[in-house]
Amino acid sequence: MAFWFAYILTRPVGASFADWFSAAHAAGGVGYSKGAVSLVLLIAIVILVAFRGGAAARMQESPQAAANRLA
């Protein structure tokens, strides 16, 4: 339920920002190409997922395993 709630709330907002960034200046947008906007968003998503995935893995790691990894 939480996933769908977040999905329904964030999808229109994300689409609006992407459309605004990729719209021409004459149309009231920023004027970046759709490819550039997509690339920047893809990089941001990959970084956030990698950061969050790494944090979850560290939280589940036992103290002994962490000590062995550092040694």
N, C-alpha and C. Protein backbone atom coordinates (compact mmCIF):
# COMPACT_ATOMS: atom_id res chain seq x y z
N MET A 1 0.82 -1.18 0.00
CA MET A 1 0.00 0.00 0.00
C MET A 1 0.87 1.25 0.00
N ALA A 2 1.94 1.24 0.80
CA ALA A 2 2.82 2.40 0.86
C ALA A 2 3.49 2.65 -0.49
N PHE A 3 3.88 1.58 -1.18
CA PHE A 3 4.50 1.73 -2.50
C PHE A 3 3.56 2.45 -3.45
N TRP A 4 2.32 2.00 -3.54
CA TRP A 4 1.38 2.59 -4.48
C TRP A 4 1.03 4.02 -4.10
N PHE A 5 0.94 4.29 -2.82
CA PHE A 5 0.68 5.66 -2.37
C PHE A 5 1.82 6.58 -2.81
N ALA A 6 3.07 6.15 -2.59
CA ALA A 6 4.22 6.96 -3.00
C ALA A 6 4.28 7.07 -4.53
N TYR A 7 3.98 6.02 -5.21
CA TYR A 7 4.00 6.02 -6.68
C TYR A 7 2.98 7.00 -7.24
N ILE A 8 1.79 6.98 -6.71
CA ILE A 8 0.72 7.86 -7.19
C ILE A 8 1.05 9.32 -6.90
N LEU A 9 1.68 9.60 -5.77
CA LEU A 9 2.01 10.98 -5.44
C LEU A 9 3.23 11.50 -6.19
N THR A 10 4.23 10.67 -6.41
CA THR A 10 5.48 11.17 -6.98
C THR A 10 5.53 11.14 -8.50
N ARG A 11 4.81 10.27 -9.12
CA ARG A 11 4.88 10.17 -10.58
C ARG A 11 4.46 11.45 -11.29
N PRO A 12 3.32 12.06 -10.95
CA PRO A 12 2.95 13.31 -11.63
C PRO A 12 3.94 14.44 -11.37
N VAL A 13 4.47 14.51 -10.15
CA VAL A 13 5.43 15.56 -9.82
C VAL A 13 6.71 15.38 -10.63
N GLY A 14 7.23 14.15 -10.69
CA GLY A 14 8.44 13.88 -11.46
C GLY A 14 8.26 14.15 -12.93
N ALA A 15 7.11 13.77 -13.46
CA ALA A 15 6.82 14.03 -14.88
C ALA A 15 6.73 15.52 -15.14
N SER A 16 6.15 16.27 -14.23
CA SER A 16 6.04 17.72 -14.41
C SER A 16 7.41 18.38 -14.45
N PHE A 17 8.30 17.98 -13.54
CA PHE A 17 9.64 18.55 -13.54
C PHE A 17 10.41 18.16 -14.79
N ALA A 18 10.30 16.91 -15.21
CA ALA A 18 10.99 16.47 -16.42
C ALA A 18 10.47 17.22 -17.64
N ASP A 19 9.16 17.41 -17.72
CA ASP A 19 8.60 18.17 -18.84
C ASP A 19 9.06 19.62 -18.81
N TRP A 20 9.12 20.21 -17.64
CA TRP A 20 9.56 21.60 -17.51
C TRP A 20 11.02 21.76 -17.92
N PHE A 21 11.88 20.84 -17.48
CA PHE A 21 13.30 20.91 -17.84
C PHE A 21 13.51 20.71 -19.34
N SER A 22 12.70 19.88 -19.97
CA SER A 22 12.91 19.58 -21.38
C SER A 22 12.14 20.50 -22.32
N ALA A 23 11.23 21.32 -21.81
CA ALA A 23 10.47 22.23 -22.67
C ALA A 23 11.36 23.38 -23.15
N ALA A 24 11.06 23.88 -24.31
CA ALA A 24 11.82 25.00 -24.88
C ALA A 24 11.60 26.27 -24.07
N HIS A 25 12.57 27.19 -24.17
CA HIS A 25 12.44 28.47 -23.46
C HIS A 25 11.17 29.21 -23.88
N ALA A 26 10.85 29.14 -25.17
CA ALA A 26 9.66 29.84 -25.68
C ALA A 26 8.38 29.29 -25.06
N ALA A 27 8.42 28.03 -24.64
CA ALA A 27 7.24 27.41 -24.02
C ALA A 27 7.26 27.53 -22.49
N GLY A 28 8.24 28.27 -21.95
CA GLY A 28 8.31 28.47 -20.52
C GLY A 28 9.14 27.45 -19.77
N GLY A 29 9.91 26.65 -20.50
CA GLY A 29 10.74 25.62 -19.87
C GLY A 29 12.19 26.05 -19.73
N VAL A 30 13.02 25.13 -19.31
CA VAL A 30 14.44 25.39 -19.12
C VAL A 30 15.21 25.24 -20.43
N GLY A 31 14.79 24.30 -21.27
CA GLY A 31 15.39 24.18 -22.59
C GLY A 31 16.42 23.07 -22.75
N TYR A 32 16.54 22.17 -21.79
CA TYR A 32 17.44 21.03 -21.96
C TYR A 32 16.78 20.00 -22.86
N SER A 33 17.58 19.19 -23.51
CA SER A 33 17.01 18.15 -24.35
C SER A 33 16.44 17.02 -23.48
N LYS A 34 15.53 16.26 -24.05
CA LYS A 34 14.93 15.14 -23.30
C LYS A 34 15.98 14.10 -22.95
N GLY A 35 16.96 13.92 -23.83
CA GLY A 35 18.03 12.97 -23.56
C GLY A 35 18.88 13.39 -22.36
N ALA A 36 19.19 14.67 -22.27
CA ALA A 36 19.98 15.17 -21.15
C ALA A 36 19.22 15.04 -19.84
N VAL A 37 17.95 15.37 -19.86
CA VAL A 37 17.12 15.26 -18.65
C VAL A 37 17.03 13.80 -18.22
N SER A 38 16.82 12.90 -19.18
CA SER A 38 16.74 11.47 -18.86
C SER A 38 18.05 10.95 -18.29
N LEU A 39 19.16 11.39 -18.85
CA LEU A 39 20.47 10.94 -18.37
C LEU A 39 20.73 11.41 -16.94
N VAL A 40 20.43 12.65 -16.67
CA VAL A 40 20.64 13.19 -15.31
C VAL A 40 19.75 12.46 -14.31
N LEU A 41 18.50 12.23 -14.66
CA LEU A 41 17.60 11.51 -13.75
C LEU A 41 18.04 10.06 -13.55
N LEU A 42 18.52 9.43 -14.62
CA LEU A 42 19.01 8.05 -14.50
C LEU A 42 20.21 7.99 -13.55
N ILE A 43 21.13 8.90 -13.70
CA ILE A 43 22.31 8.93 -12.82
C ILE A 43 21.90 9.16 -11.37
N ALA A 44 20.96 10.08 -11.16
CA ALA A 44 20.49 10.36 -9.79
C ALA A 44 19.83 9.13 -9.18
N ILE A 45 19.03 8.43 -9.96
CA ILE A 45 18.35 7.23 -9.45
C ILE A 45 19.35 6.14 -9.12
N VAL A 46 20.34 5.92 -9.99
CA VAL A 46 21.35 4.89 -9.75
C VAL A 46 22.14 5.21 -8.48
N ILE A 47 22.51 6.47 -8.30
CA ILE A 47 23.27 6.87 -7.10
C ILE A 47 22.42 6.65 -5.84
N LEU A 48 21.16 7.06 -5.88
CA LEU A 48 20.30 6.89 -4.70
C LEU A 48 20.06 5.42 -4.38
N VAL A 49 19.84 4.60 -5.39
CA VAL A 49 19.63 3.17 -5.16
C VAL A 49 20.90 2.52 -4.62
N ALA A 50 22.05 2.88 -5.18
CA ALA A 50 23.31 2.30 -4.71
C ALA A 50 23.59 2.72 -3.27
N PHE A 51 23.35 3.98 -2.96
CA PHE A 51 23.57 4.47 -1.60
C PHE A 51 22.63 3.78 -0.62
N ARG A 52 21.38 3.70 -0.99
CA ARG A 52 20.40 3.08 -0.10
C ARG A 52 20.63 1.57 0.02
N GLY A 53 20.98 0.93 -1.06
CA GLY A 53 21.27 -0.51 -1.02
C GLY A 53 22.48 -0.81 -0.17
N GLY A 54 23.49 0.02 -0.25
CA GLY A 54 24.69 -0.16 0.57
C GLY A 54 24.40 0.04 2.04
N ALA A 55 23.55 1.00 2.36
CA ALA A 55 23.20 1.26 3.76
C ALA A 55 22.43 0.08 4.34
N ALA A 56 21.53 -0.51 3.55
CA ALA A 56 20.76 -1.65 4.03
C ALA A 56 21.66 -2.85 4.26
N ALA A 57 22.61 -3.05 3.39
CA ALA A 57 23.53 -4.18 3.54
C ALA A 57 24.40 -4.00 4.79
N ARG A 58 24.84 -2.78 5.05
CA ARG A 58 25.67 -2.54 6.24
C ARG A 58 24.86 -2.71 7.52
N MET A 59 23.58 -2.38 7.48
CA MET A 59 22.74 -2.52 8.67
C MET A 59 22.51 -3.98 9.01
N GLN A 60 22.49 -4.85 8.02
CA GLN A 60 22.22 -6.27 8.25
C GLN A 60 23.49 -7.05 8.57
N GLU A 61 24.62 -6.45 8.39
CA GLU A 61 25.89 -7.13 8.61
C GLU A 61 26.16 -7.27 10.11
N SER A 62 26.63 -8.42 10.51
CA SER A 62 26.93 -8.64 11.92
C SER A 62 28.23 -7.92 12.30
N PRO A 63 28.42 -7.59 13.55
CA PRO A 63 29.64 -6.92 13.99
C PRO A 63 30.89 -7.76 13.68
N GLN A 64 30.79 -9.08 13.79
CA GLN A 64 31.93 -9.95 13.51
C GLN A 64 32.30 -9.88 12.03
N ALA A 65 31.30 -9.89 11.16
CA ALA A 65 31.57 -9.81 9.71
C ALA A 65 32.18 -8.47 9.36
N ALA A 66 31.73 -7.39 10.00
CA ALA A 66 32.30 -6.08 9.75
C ALA A 66 33.75 -6.02 10.20
N ALA A 67 34.05 -6.63 11.34
CA ALA A 67 35.44 -6.66 11.83
C ALA A 67 36.32 -7.45 10.89
N ASN A 68 35.83 -8.58 10.38
CA ASN A 68 36.59 -9.39 9.44
C ASN A 68 36.82 -8.64 8.13
N ARG A 69 35.84 -7.87 7.69
CA ARG A 69 35.97 -7.13 6.44
C ARG A 69 37.01 -6.03 6.57
N LEU A 70 37.10 -5.42 7.73
CA LEU A 70 38.05 -4.33 7.94
C LEU A 70 39.46 -4.83 8.18
N ALA A 71 39.59 -6.07 8.59
CA ALA A 71 40.92 -6.62 8.91
C ALA A 71 41.68 -7.05 7.68
